[in-house]
N, C-alpha and C. Protein backbone atom coordinates (compact mmCIF):
# COMPACT_ATOMS: atom_id res chain seq x y z
N UNK A 1 -61.62 -17.95 -1.14
CA UNK A 1 -61.29 -17.00 -2.22
C UNK A 1 -60.14 -17.72 -2.96
N UNK A 2 -60.10 -17.49 -4.50
CA UNK A 2 -59.13 -18.07 -5.15
C UNK A 2 -57.83 -17.06 -5.29
N UNK A 3 -56.65 -17.49 -5.56
CA UNK A 3 -55.60 -16.55 -5.56
C UNK A 3 -55.44 -15.87 -6.76
N UNK A 4 -55.81 -14.55 -6.64
CA UNK A 4 -55.83 -13.62 -7.75
C UNK A 4 -54.48 -13.02 -8.26
N UNK A 5 -53.34 -13.43 -7.37
CA UNK A 5 -51.98 -12.83 -7.63
C UNK A 5 -51.33 -13.68 -8.89
N UNK A 6 -51.80 -14.87 -9.11
CA UNK A 6 -51.30 -15.61 -10.19
C UNK A 6 -52.43 -16.21 -11.19
N UNK A 7 -52.21 -16.19 -12.53
CA UNK A 7 -53.15 -16.87 -13.33
C UNK A 7 -52.41 -17.63 -14.50
N UNK A 8 -52.66 -19.01 -14.71
CA UNK A 8 -52.10 -19.65 -15.78
C UNK A 8 -52.67 -18.95 -17.07
N UNK A 9 -51.88 -18.57 -18.06
CA UNK A 9 -52.15 -17.85 -19.09
C UNK A 9 -52.61 -18.55 -20.47
N UNK A 10 -52.35 -19.92 -20.44
CA UNK A 10 -52.86 -20.92 -21.40
C UNK A 10 -54.01 -21.82 -20.97
N UNK A 11 -55.12 -21.61 -21.55
CA UNK A 11 -56.38 -22.32 -21.04
C UNK A 11 -57.42 -22.78 -22.13
N UNK A 12 -57.70 -23.87 -21.92
CA UNK A 12 -58.86 -24.50 -22.72
C UNK A 12 -60.02 -23.92 -22.17
N UNK A 13 -61.05 -23.53 -22.96
CA UNK A 13 -62.27 -22.97 -22.45
C UNK A 13 -63.53 -24.07 -22.62
N UNK A 14 -64.34 -24.13 -21.92
CA UNK A 14 -65.66 -24.87 -21.91
C UNK A 14 -66.65 -23.88 -22.65
N UNK A 15 -67.78 -24.54 -22.78
CA UNK A 15 -68.76 -23.56 -23.62
C UNK A 15 -69.15 -22.41 -22.74
N UNK A 16 -69.62 -22.60 -21.52
CA UNK A 16 -69.96 -21.52 -20.52
C UNK A 16 -68.72 -20.39 -20.61
N UNK A 17 -67.50 -20.73 -20.33
CA UNK A 17 -66.44 -19.84 -20.22
C UNK A 17 -66.31 -19.17 -21.48
N UNK A 18 -66.47 -19.78 -22.73
CA UNK A 18 -66.36 -19.01 -23.93
C UNK A 18 -67.38 -17.85 -23.95
N UNK A 19 -68.56 -18.21 -23.71
CA UNK A 19 -69.62 -17.06 -23.91
C UNK A 19 -69.52 -16.05 -22.64
N UNK A 20 -68.96 -16.44 -21.61
CA UNK A 20 -68.71 -15.13 -20.42
C UNK A 20 -67.46 -14.48 -21.01
N UNK A 21 -66.45 -15.09 -21.52
CA UNK A 21 -65.36 -14.23 -21.91
C UNK A 21 -65.51 -13.33 -23.09
N UNK A 22 -66.09 -13.94 -23.96
CA UNK A 22 -66.37 -12.96 -25.31
C UNK A 22 -67.62 -12.16 -25.22
N UNK A 23 -68.32 -12.23 -24.03
CA UNK A 23 -69.49 -11.28 -24.00
C UNK A 23 -68.92 -9.90 -23.82
N UNK A 24 -67.80 -9.75 -23.34
CA UNK A 24 -67.15 -8.37 -22.90
C UNK A 24 -65.88 -8.30 -24.04
N UNK A 25 -65.96 -7.43 -25.01
CA UNK A 25 -64.88 -7.23 -25.96
C UNK A 25 -63.64 -6.62 -24.96
N UNK A 26 -63.92 -5.81 -23.83
CA UNK A 26 -62.82 -5.36 -23.06
C UNK A 26 -62.37 -6.27 -22.42
N UNK A 27 -62.97 -7.37 -21.69
CA UNK A 27 -62.21 -8.28 -20.97
C UNK A 27 -61.18 -9.17 -21.92
N UNK A 28 -62.03 -9.47 -22.99
CA UNK A 28 -61.38 -10.52 -23.97
C UNK A 28 -60.06 -9.72 -24.67
N UNK A 29 -60.07 -8.48 -24.98
CA UNK A 29 -59.16 -7.99 -25.56
C UNK A 29 -57.92 -7.76 -24.56
N UNK A 30 -58.30 -7.43 -23.19
CA UNK A 30 -57.22 -7.16 -22.34
C UNK A 30 -56.63 -8.32 -21.79
N UNK A 31 -57.36 -9.52 -21.86
CA UNK A 31 -56.74 -10.84 -21.41
C UNK A 31 -55.71 -11.07 -22.53
N UNK A 32 -55.91 -10.99 -23.82
CA UNK A 32 -55.01 -11.19 -24.73
C UNK A 32 -53.74 -10.17 -24.58
N UNK A 33 -53.90 -8.78 -24.46
CA UNK A 33 -52.80 -8.16 -24.22
C UNK A 33 -51.98 -8.44 -23.01
N UNK A 34 -52.56 -9.26 -22.08
CA UNK A 34 -51.90 -9.56 -20.79
C UNK A 34 -51.29 -10.89 -21.02
N UNK A 35 -51.29 -11.52 -22.39
CA UNK A 35 -50.58 -12.80 -22.67
C UNK A 35 -51.43 -13.98 -22.68
N UNK A 36 -52.56 -13.92 -22.43
CA UNK A 36 -53.58 -15.12 -22.26
C UNK A 36 -53.80 -15.63 -23.68
N UNK A 37 -53.62 -17.12 -23.75
CA UNK A 37 -54.10 -17.71 -25.03
C UNK A 37 -55.14 -18.62 -24.67
N UNK A 38 -56.13 -18.84 -25.52
CA UNK A 38 -57.33 -19.76 -25.36
C UNK A 38 -57.41 -20.89 -26.36
N UNK A 39 -57.93 -21.94 -26.08
CA UNK A 39 -58.07 -23.19 -26.87
C UNK A 39 -59.59 -23.62 -26.47
N UNK A 40 -60.05 -24.28 -27.59
CA UNK A 40 -61.38 -25.22 -27.31
C UNK A 40 -61.32 -26.31 -28.07
N UNK A 41 -62.07 -27.27 -27.66
CA UNK A 41 -62.19 -28.59 -28.42
C UNK A 41 -63.15 -28.37 -29.49
N UNK A 42 -63.20 -29.24 -30.45
CA UNK A 42 -64.02 -29.49 -31.51
C UNK A 42 -65.49 -29.61 -30.94
N UNK A 43 -65.66 -30.43 -29.92
CA UNK A 43 -67.10 -30.54 -29.42
C UNK A 43 -67.56 -29.18 -28.73
N UNK A 44 -66.70 -28.51 -27.93
CA UNK A 44 -67.16 -27.34 -27.60
C UNK A 44 -67.65 -26.43 -28.75
N UNK A 45 -66.92 -26.49 -29.92
CA UNK A 45 -67.20 -25.59 -31.08
C UNK A 45 -68.62 -26.15 -31.51
N UNK A 46 -68.83 -27.42 -31.75
CA UNK A 46 -70.15 -27.86 -31.95
C UNK A 46 -71.31 -27.41 -31.18
N UNK A 47 -71.08 -27.57 -29.75
CA UNK A 47 -72.18 -26.96 -28.79
C UNK A 47 -72.28 -25.49 -28.92
N UNK A 48 -71.30 -24.82 -29.38
CA UNK A 48 -71.48 -23.25 -29.55
C UNK A 48 -72.08 -22.86 -30.95
N UNK A 49 -71.50 -23.54 -31.91
CA UNK A 49 -72.13 -23.17 -33.20
C UNK A 49 -73.21 -24.14 -33.93
N UNK A 50 -73.15 -25.47 -33.75
CA UNK A 50 -73.81 -26.35 -34.47
C UNK A 50 -75.07 -27.05 -33.87
N UNK A 51 -74.83 -27.27 -32.64
CA UNK A 51 -75.85 -28.12 -31.98
C UNK A 51 -77.23 -27.29 -31.85
N UNK A 52 -78.30 -28.24 -32.33
CA UNK A 52 -79.40 -27.57 -32.47
C UNK A 52 -80.22 -27.13 -31.23
N UNK A 53 -80.72 -25.87 -31.22
CA UNK A 53 -81.42 -25.37 -30.01
C UNK A 53 -82.89 -25.21 -30.13
N UNK A 54 -83.56 -25.17 -29.03
CA UNK A 54 -84.99 -25.18 -29.16
C UNK A 54 -85.26 -23.62 -29.65
N UNK A 55 -84.62 -22.71 -29.16
CA UNK A 55 -84.82 -21.08 -29.38
C UNK A 55 -83.29 -20.61 -29.66
N UNK A 56 -83.38 -19.86 -30.57
CA UNK A 56 -82.29 -18.80 -30.86
C UNK A 56 -82.60 -17.53 -30.86
N UNK A 57 -82.05 -16.59 -29.95
CA UNK A 57 -82.39 -15.38 -29.95
C UNK A 57 -81.12 -14.47 -30.42
N UNK A 58 -81.54 -13.10 -30.47
CA UNK A 58 -80.51 -12.31 -31.01
C UNK A 58 -79.20 -12.35 -30.12
N UNK A 59 -79.24 -12.53 -28.95
CA UNK A 59 -77.96 -12.63 -28.08
C UNK A 59 -77.34 -13.85 -28.47
N UNK A 60 -78.00 -14.97 -28.89
CA UNK A 60 -77.17 -16.23 -29.23
C UNK A 60 -76.61 -16.02 -30.60
N UNK A 61 -77.28 -15.40 -31.31
CA UNK A 61 -76.64 -15.01 -32.74
C UNK A 61 -75.35 -14.01 -32.62
N UNK A 62 -75.48 -13.07 -31.79
CA UNK A 62 -74.44 -12.34 -31.82
C UNK A 62 -73.09 -12.77 -30.99
N UNK A 63 -73.18 -13.63 -30.05
CA UNK A 63 -72.21 -14.33 -29.44
C UNK A 63 -71.62 -15.23 -30.45
N UNK A 64 -72.55 -16.01 -31.28
CA UNK A 64 -72.15 -16.91 -32.17
C UNK A 64 -71.24 -16.21 -33.27
N UNK A 65 -71.70 -14.86 -33.74
CA UNK A 65 -70.81 -14.28 -34.68
C UNK A 65 -69.67 -13.88 -34.27
N UNK A 66 -69.53 -13.30 -32.97
CA UNK A 66 -68.31 -13.05 -32.16
C UNK A 66 -67.41 -14.22 -32.29
N UNK A 67 -67.78 -15.28 -31.97
CA UNK A 67 -67.10 -16.58 -31.91
C UNK A 67 -66.41 -16.91 -33.22
N UNK A 68 -67.40 -16.70 -34.26
CA UNK A 68 -66.70 -17.05 -35.55
C UNK A 68 -65.69 -15.98 -36.16
N UNK A 69 -65.98 -14.85 -35.83
CA UNK A 69 -64.86 -13.95 -36.12
C UNK A 69 -63.45 -14.22 -35.23
N UNK A 70 -63.41 -14.72 -34.24
CA UNK A 70 -62.43 -14.81 -33.30
C UNK A 70 -61.68 -16.20 -33.83
N UNK A 71 -62.47 -17.21 -34.24
CA UNK A 71 -62.05 -18.40 -34.88
C UNK A 71 -61.22 -18.02 -36.33
N UNK A 72 -61.94 -17.18 -37.00
CA UNK A 72 -61.42 -16.86 -38.30
C UNK A 72 -59.85 -16.21 -38.15
N UNK A 73 -59.89 -15.46 -37.16
CA UNK A 73 -58.49 -14.66 -36.74
C UNK A 73 -57.65 -15.56 -35.91
N UNK A 74 -57.87 -16.77 -35.71
CA UNK A 74 -57.15 -17.71 -34.85
C UNK A 74 -56.78 -17.18 -33.49
N UNK A 75 -57.75 -16.39 -32.88
CA UNK A 75 -57.58 -16.04 -31.47
C UNK A 75 -57.71 -17.05 -30.36
N UNK A 76 -58.86 -17.89 -30.88
CA UNK A 76 -59.02 -19.05 -30.07
C UNK A 76 -58.71 -20.09 -31.19
N UNK A 77 -57.88 -21.08 -30.55
CA UNK A 77 -57.49 -22.23 -31.56
C UNK A 77 -58.30 -23.49 -31.03
N UNK A 78 -58.81 -24.08 -32.23
CA UNK A 78 -59.55 -25.34 -31.89
C UNK A 78 -58.62 -26.47 -32.00
N UNK A 79 -58.99 -27.49 -31.24
CA UNK A 79 -58.34 -28.80 -31.34
C UNK A 79 -59.13 -29.93 -31.20
N UNK A 80 -59.00 -31.07 -31.91
CA UNK A 80 -59.69 -32.22 -31.79
C UNK A 80 -59.04 -33.25 -31.09
N UNK A 81 -59.88 -33.94 -30.20
CA UNK A 81 -59.48 -35.05 -29.46
C UNK A 81 -59.50 -36.28 -30.31
N UNK A 82 -58.71 -37.39 -29.77
CA UNK A 82 -58.87 -38.78 -30.30
C UNK A 82 -59.96 -39.44 -29.59
N UNK A 83 -60.52 -40.38 -30.20
CA UNK A 83 -61.54 -41.09 -29.61
C UNK A 83 -61.08 -41.78 -28.39
N UNK A 84 -59.85 -42.09 -28.13
CA UNK A 84 -59.28 -42.81 -27.13
C UNK A 84 -59.38 -41.87 -25.94
N UNK A 85 -58.98 -40.66 -26.18
CA UNK A 85 -59.07 -39.46 -25.20
C UNK A 85 -60.36 -39.46 -24.55
N UNK A 86 -61.50 -39.42 -25.53
CA UNK A 86 -62.66 -39.24 -24.69
C UNK A 86 -63.19 -40.43 -24.19
N UNK A 87 -62.65 -41.56 -24.23
CA UNK A 87 -62.81 -42.77 -23.56
C UNK A 87 -62.10 -42.95 -22.34
N UNK A 88 -61.47 -41.87 -21.76
CA UNK A 88 -60.66 -41.94 -20.63
C UNK A 88 -61.72 -42.25 -19.38
N UNK A 89 -61.51 -43.59 -18.96
CA UNK A 89 -62.33 -44.20 -17.87
C UNK A 89 -62.48 -43.38 -16.61
N UNK A 90 -61.33 -42.93 -16.11
CA UNK A 90 -61.27 -42.29 -14.88
C UNK A 90 -62.06 -41.13 -15.14
N UNK A 91 -62.27 -40.25 -16.04
CA UNK A 91 -63.02 -39.22 -16.23
C UNK A 91 -64.43 -39.51 -16.40
N UNK A 92 -64.83 -40.56 -17.10
CA UNK A 92 -66.17 -40.81 -17.54
C UNK A 92 -66.69 -41.47 -16.27
N UNK A 93 -66.14 -42.24 -15.44
CA UNK A 93 -66.59 -42.70 -14.20
C UNK A 93 -67.05 -41.58 -13.30
N UNK A 94 -66.39 -40.58 -13.19
CA UNK A 94 -66.60 -39.54 -12.40
C UNK A 94 -67.61 -38.30 -13.01
N UNK A 95 -68.17 -38.71 -14.11
CA UNK A 95 -68.77 -37.55 -15.07
C UNK A 95 -69.71 -36.83 -14.33
N UNK A 96 -70.63 -37.37 -13.50
CA UNK A 96 -71.63 -36.55 -12.79
C UNK A 96 -72.41 -35.67 -13.49
N UNK A 97 -73.01 -36.23 -14.67
CA UNK A 97 -73.83 -35.52 -15.63
C UNK A 97 -73.48 -34.14 -16.18
N UNK A 98 -72.13 -34.12 -16.38
CA UNK A 98 -71.44 -32.91 -17.05
C UNK A 98 -71.75 -33.15 -18.57
N UNK A 99 -71.78 -31.76 -19.26
CA UNK A 99 -71.85 -31.89 -20.61
C UNK A 99 -70.82 -32.23 -21.39
N UNK A 100 -70.96 -32.75 -22.52
CA UNK A 100 -69.56 -33.24 -23.31
C UNK A 100 -68.81 -32.15 -23.58
N UNK A 101 -69.11 -30.98 -23.68
CA UNK A 101 -68.23 -29.84 -23.99
C UNK A 101 -67.34 -29.73 -22.58
N UNK A 102 -67.95 -29.65 -21.38
CA UNK A 102 -67.08 -29.54 -20.22
C UNK A 102 -66.16 -30.78 -20.11
N UNK A 103 -66.67 -31.89 -20.47
CA UNK A 103 -65.87 -33.24 -20.26
C UNK A 103 -64.74 -33.23 -21.16
N UNK A 104 -65.09 -32.82 -22.70
CA UNK A 104 -63.94 -32.73 -23.43
C UNK A 104 -62.83 -31.52 -23.21
N UNK A 105 -63.35 -30.66 -22.56
CA UNK A 105 -62.30 -29.57 -22.14
C UNK A 105 -61.42 -30.12 -20.98
N UNK A 106 -61.92 -30.86 -20.02
CA UNK A 106 -61.29 -31.46 -19.00
C UNK A 106 -60.09 -32.47 -19.64
N UNK A 107 -60.58 -33.22 -20.44
CA UNK A 107 -59.91 -34.26 -21.08
C UNK A 107 -58.53 -33.66 -21.75
N UNK A 108 -58.92 -32.61 -22.55
CA UNK A 108 -57.95 -31.98 -23.23
C UNK A 108 -56.94 -31.26 -22.33
N UNK A 109 -57.34 -30.61 -21.37
CA UNK A 109 -56.42 -30.02 -20.31
C UNK A 109 -55.48 -31.06 -19.56
N UNK A 110 -56.13 -32.22 -19.37
CA UNK A 110 -55.25 -33.25 -18.82
C UNK A 110 -54.40 -33.74 -19.86
N UNK A 111 -54.69 -34.14 -21.06
CA UNK A 111 -53.67 -34.56 -22.22
C UNK A 111 -52.56 -33.50 -22.39
N UNK A 112 -52.94 -32.36 -22.51
CA UNK A 112 -51.94 -31.32 -22.88
C UNK A 112 -51.28 -30.62 -21.81
N UNK A 113 -51.61 -31.05 -20.52
CA UNK A 113 -51.20 -30.43 -19.21
C UNK A 113 -51.35 -28.73 -19.45
N UNK A 114 -52.69 -28.46 -19.73
CA UNK A 114 -53.04 -27.14 -19.80
C UNK A 114 -53.90 -26.87 -18.64
N UNK A 115 -54.33 -25.48 -18.36
CA UNK A 115 -55.36 -25.02 -17.61
C UNK A 115 -56.81 -24.97 -18.19
N UNK A 116 -57.78 -25.03 -17.28
CA UNK A 116 -59.15 -25.00 -18.04
C UNK A 116 -59.76 -23.94 -17.27
N UNK A 117 -60.38 -23.09 -18.03
CA UNK A 117 -61.41 -22.02 -17.46
C UNK A 117 -62.82 -22.51 -17.62
N UNK A 118 -63.39 -22.76 -16.58
CA UNK A 118 -64.85 -23.32 -16.56
C UNK A 118 -65.58 -22.48 -15.46
N UNK A 119 -66.87 -22.22 -15.79
CA UNK A 119 -67.63 -21.42 -14.91
C UNK A 119 -68.84 -22.26 -14.30
N UNK A 120 -68.80 -23.60 -14.63
CA UNK A 120 -69.54 -24.43 -14.16
C UNK A 120 -69.05 -25.37 -13.05
N UNK A 121 -69.96 -25.04 -11.78
CA UNK A 121 -69.24 -25.58 -10.54
C UNK A 121 -69.05 -27.23 -10.47
N UNK A 122 -69.87 -27.95 -11.13
CA UNK A 122 -69.81 -29.36 -11.32
C UNK A 122 -68.47 -29.73 -12.03
N UNK A 123 -68.24 -28.95 -13.09
CA UNK A 123 -67.04 -29.17 -13.92
C UNK A 123 -65.81 -28.76 -13.16
N UNK A 124 -65.86 -27.63 -12.41
CA UNK A 124 -64.74 -27.39 -11.60
C UNK A 124 -64.35 -28.28 -10.61
N UNK A 125 -65.46 -28.91 -9.92
CA UNK A 125 -65.20 -29.99 -8.86
C UNK A 125 -64.73 -31.18 -9.45
N UNK A 126 -65.01 -31.69 -10.60
CA UNK A 126 -64.59 -32.73 -11.22
C UNK A 126 -63.08 -32.60 -11.81
N UNK A 127 -62.83 -31.37 -12.28
CA UNK A 127 -61.51 -30.80 -12.85
C UNK A 127 -60.50 -31.06 -11.73
N UNK A 128 -60.77 -30.59 -10.60
CA UNK A 128 -59.84 -30.50 -9.49
C UNK A 128 -59.38 -31.88 -9.08
N UNK A 129 -60.25 -32.88 -9.32
CA UNK A 129 -59.91 -34.33 -8.91
C UNK A 129 -58.80 -34.95 -9.87
N UNK A 130 -58.82 -34.21 -11.09
CA UNK A 130 -58.12 -34.85 -12.13
C UNK A 130 -56.80 -33.97 -12.42
N UNK A 131 -57.02 -32.57 -12.49
CA UNK A 131 -55.82 -31.77 -12.58
C UNK A 131 -55.37 -31.06 -11.31
N UNK A 132 -54.20 -30.52 -11.35
CA UNK A 132 -53.78 -29.60 -10.18
C UNK A 132 -54.83 -28.56 -9.91
N UNK A 133 -55.13 -28.22 -8.84
CA UNK A 133 -56.17 -27.27 -8.46
C UNK A 133 -55.86 -26.04 -9.02
N UNK A 134 -54.54 -25.60 -9.26
CA UNK A 134 -54.18 -24.38 -9.73
C UNK A 134 -54.42 -24.18 -11.09
N UNK A 135 -54.64 -25.53 -11.94
CA UNK A 135 -55.02 -25.50 -13.36
C UNK A 135 -56.38 -25.19 -13.46
N UNK A 136 -57.38 -25.17 -12.57
CA UNK A 136 -58.72 -24.97 -12.69
C UNK A 136 -58.95 -23.34 -12.38
N UNK A 137 -59.48 -22.90 -13.55
CA UNK A 137 -59.71 -21.47 -13.29
C UNK A 137 -61.02 -21.05 -13.71
N UNK A 138 -61.45 -19.84 -13.40
CA UNK A 138 -62.80 -19.19 -13.79
C UNK A 138 -62.57 -17.82 -14.57
N UNK A 139 -63.66 -17.44 -15.20
CA UNK A 139 -63.70 -16.05 -15.61
C UNK A 139 -63.62 -15.02 -14.72
N UNK A 140 -64.23 -15.08 -13.71
CA UNK A 140 -64.21 -14.11 -12.66
C UNK A 140 -62.64 -14.02 -12.03
N UNK A 141 -61.84 -15.17 -12.05
CA UNK A 141 -60.70 -15.15 -11.63
C UNK A 141 -59.71 -14.45 -12.48
N UNK A 142 -60.04 -14.80 -13.85
CA UNK A 142 -59.25 -13.97 -14.97
C UNK A 142 -59.46 -12.40 -14.61
N UNK A 143 -60.72 -11.95 -14.55
CA UNK A 143 -61.12 -10.58 -14.33
C UNK A 143 -60.26 -10.07 -13.18
N UNK A 144 -60.37 -10.79 -11.99
CA UNK A 144 -59.72 -10.21 -10.87
C UNK A 144 -58.25 -10.03 -11.03
N UNK A 145 -57.54 -11.09 -11.73
CA UNK A 145 -56.20 -11.16 -11.89
C UNK A 145 -55.90 -9.97 -12.80
N UNK A 146 -56.42 -9.68 -13.78
CA UNK A 146 -56.39 -8.49 -14.62
C UNK A 146 -56.24 -7.16 -13.78
N UNK A 147 -57.28 -7.07 -13.04
CA UNK A 147 -57.11 -5.89 -11.99
C UNK A 147 -55.91 -5.85 -11.17
N UNK A 148 -55.50 -7.12 -10.54
CA UNK A 148 -54.24 -7.11 -9.71
C UNK A 148 -53.18 -6.70 -10.29
N UNK A 149 -53.01 -7.12 -11.76
CA UNK A 149 -51.66 -6.86 -12.37
C UNK A 149 -51.74 -5.49 -12.96
N UNK A 150 -52.96 -4.70 -12.81
CA UNK A 150 -53.03 -3.36 -13.39
C UNK A 150 -53.20 -3.47 -15.11
N UNK A 151 -53.85 -4.56 -15.58
CA UNK A 151 -54.14 -4.46 -16.85
C UNK A 151 -55.51 -3.84 -17.03
N UNK A 152 -56.19 -3.88 -15.94
CA UNK A 152 -57.75 -3.25 -16.12
C UNK A 152 -57.66 -2.10 -15.16
N UNK A 153 -58.34 -1.04 -15.50
CA UNK A 153 -58.40 0.07 -14.63
C UNK A 153 -59.79 0.06 -14.04
N UNK A 154 -59.99 1.04 -13.15
CA UNK A 154 -61.37 0.99 -12.24
C UNK A 154 -62.35 1.40 -13.37
N UNK A 155 -62.35 2.09 -14.26
CA UNK A 155 -63.28 2.37 -15.31
C UNK A 155 -63.63 1.09 -15.98
N UNK A 156 -62.76 0.11 -16.38
CA UNK A 156 -63.10 -1.05 -17.07
C UNK A 156 -64.14 -2.03 -16.40
N UNK A 157 -64.02 -1.87 -14.97
CA UNK A 157 -65.06 -2.76 -14.36
C UNK A 157 -66.41 -2.59 -14.78
N UNK A 158 -66.90 -1.36 -14.77
CA UNK A 158 -68.20 -1.12 -15.12
C UNK A 158 -68.64 -1.38 -16.64
N UNK A 159 -67.36 -1.18 -17.40
CA UNK A 159 -67.69 -1.48 -18.91
C UNK A 159 -67.88 -3.06 -18.99
N UNK A 160 -66.97 -3.74 -18.49
CA UNK A 160 -66.84 -5.34 -18.55
C UNK A 160 -68.41 -5.75 -18.12
N UNK A 161 -68.78 -5.27 -16.87
CA UNK A 161 -69.94 -5.82 -16.17
C UNK A 161 -71.21 -5.46 -17.20
N UNK A 162 -71.21 -4.20 -17.66
CA UNK A 162 -72.23 -3.70 -18.59
C UNK A 162 -72.35 -4.60 -19.77
N UNK A 163 -71.29 -4.89 -20.46
CA UNK A 163 -71.17 -5.62 -21.74
C UNK A 163 -71.72 -7.01 -21.40
N UNK A 164 -71.09 -7.61 -20.26
CA UNK A 164 -71.45 -8.96 -19.88
C UNK A 164 -73.01 -9.25 -19.53
N UNK A 165 -73.50 -8.12 -18.93
CA UNK A 165 -74.85 -8.22 -18.53
C UNK A 165 -75.76 -8.12 -19.72
N UNK A 166 -75.27 -7.29 -20.60
CA UNK A 166 -76.17 -7.02 -22.03
C UNK A 166 -76.33 -8.45 -22.72
N UNK A 167 -75.54 -9.36 -22.47
CA UNK A 167 -75.65 -10.68 -22.99
C UNK A 167 -76.35 -11.61 -22.06
N UNK A 168 -76.84 -11.16 -21.02
CA UNK A 168 -77.44 -12.04 -19.94
C UNK A 168 -76.62 -13.11 -19.43
N UNK A 169 -75.47 -12.72 -19.24
CA UNK A 169 -74.41 -13.71 -18.61
C UNK A 169 -74.52 -13.39 -17.07
N UNK A 170 -74.07 -14.56 -16.43
CA UNK A 170 -74.63 -14.53 -14.97
C UNK A 170 -73.56 -14.24 -13.93
N UNK A 171 -72.57 -13.62 -14.28
CA UNK A 171 -71.09 -13.34 -13.34
C UNK A 171 -70.97 -12.14 -12.81
N UNK A 172 -71.90 -11.05 -12.95
CA UNK A 172 -71.62 -9.83 -12.23
C UNK A 172 -71.29 -9.89 -10.65
N UNK A 173 -72.07 -10.77 -9.88
CA UNK A 173 -71.75 -10.86 -8.54
C UNK A 173 -70.32 -11.29 -8.21
N UNK A 174 -69.98 -12.22 -9.08
CA UNK A 174 -68.47 -12.72 -8.97
C UNK A 174 -67.52 -11.84 -9.46
N UNK A 175 -67.83 -11.09 -10.37
CA UNK A 175 -66.90 -10.02 -10.97
C UNK A 175 -66.63 -9.02 -9.73
N UNK A 176 -67.76 -8.71 -9.14
CA UNK A 176 -67.56 -7.67 -8.23
C UNK A 176 -66.73 -8.07 -6.90
N UNK A 177 -67.02 -9.35 -6.56
CA UNK A 177 -66.25 -9.98 -5.39
C UNK A 177 -64.49 -10.11 -5.86
N UNK A 178 -64.41 -10.41 -7.04
CA UNK A 178 -62.88 -10.60 -7.41
C UNK A 178 -62.27 -9.23 -7.51
N UNK A 179 -63.00 -8.32 -7.95
CA UNK A 179 -62.66 -6.88 -8.21
C UNK A 179 -61.90 -6.52 -6.65
N UNK A 180 -63.11 -6.58 -5.81
CA UNK A 180 -62.61 -5.94 -4.46
C UNK A 180 -61.31 -6.80 -3.96
N UNK A 181 -61.38 -8.19 -4.15
CA UNK A 181 -60.15 -8.95 -3.64
C UNK A 181 -58.93 -8.38 -4.37
N UNK A 182 -59.11 -8.23 -5.53
CA UNK A 182 -57.92 -7.67 -6.35
C UNK A 182 -57.32 -6.56 -5.89
N UNK A 183 -58.28 -5.54 -5.57
CA UNK A 183 -57.77 -4.32 -4.94
C UNK A 183 -57.12 -4.53 -3.54
N UNK A 184 -57.59 -5.33 -2.80
CA UNK A 184 -57.12 -5.49 -1.48
C UNK A 184 -55.65 -6.25 -1.51
N UNK A 185 -55.54 -7.05 -2.46
CA UNK A 185 -54.38 -7.69 -2.62
C UNK A 185 -53.24 -6.75 -3.24
N UNK A 186 -53.80 -6.00 -4.00
CA UNK A 186 -52.69 -4.84 -4.61
C UNK A 186 -52.25 -3.94 -3.48
N UNK A 187 -53.12 -3.60 -2.70
CA UNK A 187 -52.79 -2.70 -1.57
C UNK A 187 -51.93 -3.38 -0.62
N UNK A 188 -52.03 -4.67 -0.36
CA UNK A 188 -51.19 -5.33 0.48
C UNK A 188 -49.65 -5.62 -0.30
N UNK A 189 -49.71 -5.88 -1.43
CA UNK A 189 -48.51 -6.18 -2.18
C UNK A 189 -47.72 -4.93 -2.61
N UNK A 190 -48.26 -3.71 -2.34
CA UNK A 190 -47.52 -2.63 -2.96
C UNK A 190 -48.23 -2.19 -4.29
N UNK A 191 -49.26 -1.41 -4.23
CA UNK A 191 -50.25 -1.20 -5.25
C UNK A 191 -49.38 -0.48 -6.33
N UNK A 192 -49.94 -0.68 -7.66
CA UNK A 192 -49.25 0.02 -8.90
C UNK A 192 -48.21 -0.77 -9.55
N UNK A 193 -47.65 -1.76 -8.99
CA UNK A 193 -46.79 -2.61 -9.57
C UNK A 193 -47.36 -3.68 -10.54
N UNK A 194 -46.87 -3.83 -11.81
CA UNK A 194 -47.61 -4.72 -12.43
C UNK A 194 -46.83 -6.05 -12.33
N UNK A 195 -47.46 -7.17 -12.16
CA UNK A 195 -46.89 -8.33 -11.90
C UNK A 195 -47.35 -9.38 -12.82
N UNK A 196 -46.43 -10.03 -13.35
CA UNK A 196 -46.73 -11.16 -14.51
C UNK A 196 -45.93 -12.37 -14.25
């Protein structure tokens, strides 16, 4: 189990984590209230909004519209990487069939000494070989940490999971696990205290 008592607040997001975080207005807004800031690479932006898809449904369109609004309001900041950054041999040699969005996010996190939120297991495994393990985070970890520090209340759990599931996102099981762990940790550490 990951440590839910601490969370790096400045994170670069890969494609999957963007969809998982903005699928819930509640989770996304509370994360911002807790001081979290989010970044994305230009390649992730391309994957999210411009890369051709075989099929586009109403869920895709709504998530894309949410992302456009967030970008217009500068809530997620977009950065471009230099060609040299993307040619980082150490990372490319270990690529293991990762998408370019995940790869560019790992390169960005390394270059700017940021944390990364990725919900892709292969990307997490690679990122942990390049970054400090504490800098590799997940959306469920964010969810659990927000409960641990009392920024989310019990009623928010169902709201977030319902919103997340309405966009056919796959993390409900992990949200429930981190929710229970966050409550256990709060009980051990003296429940009710906000920790930051």
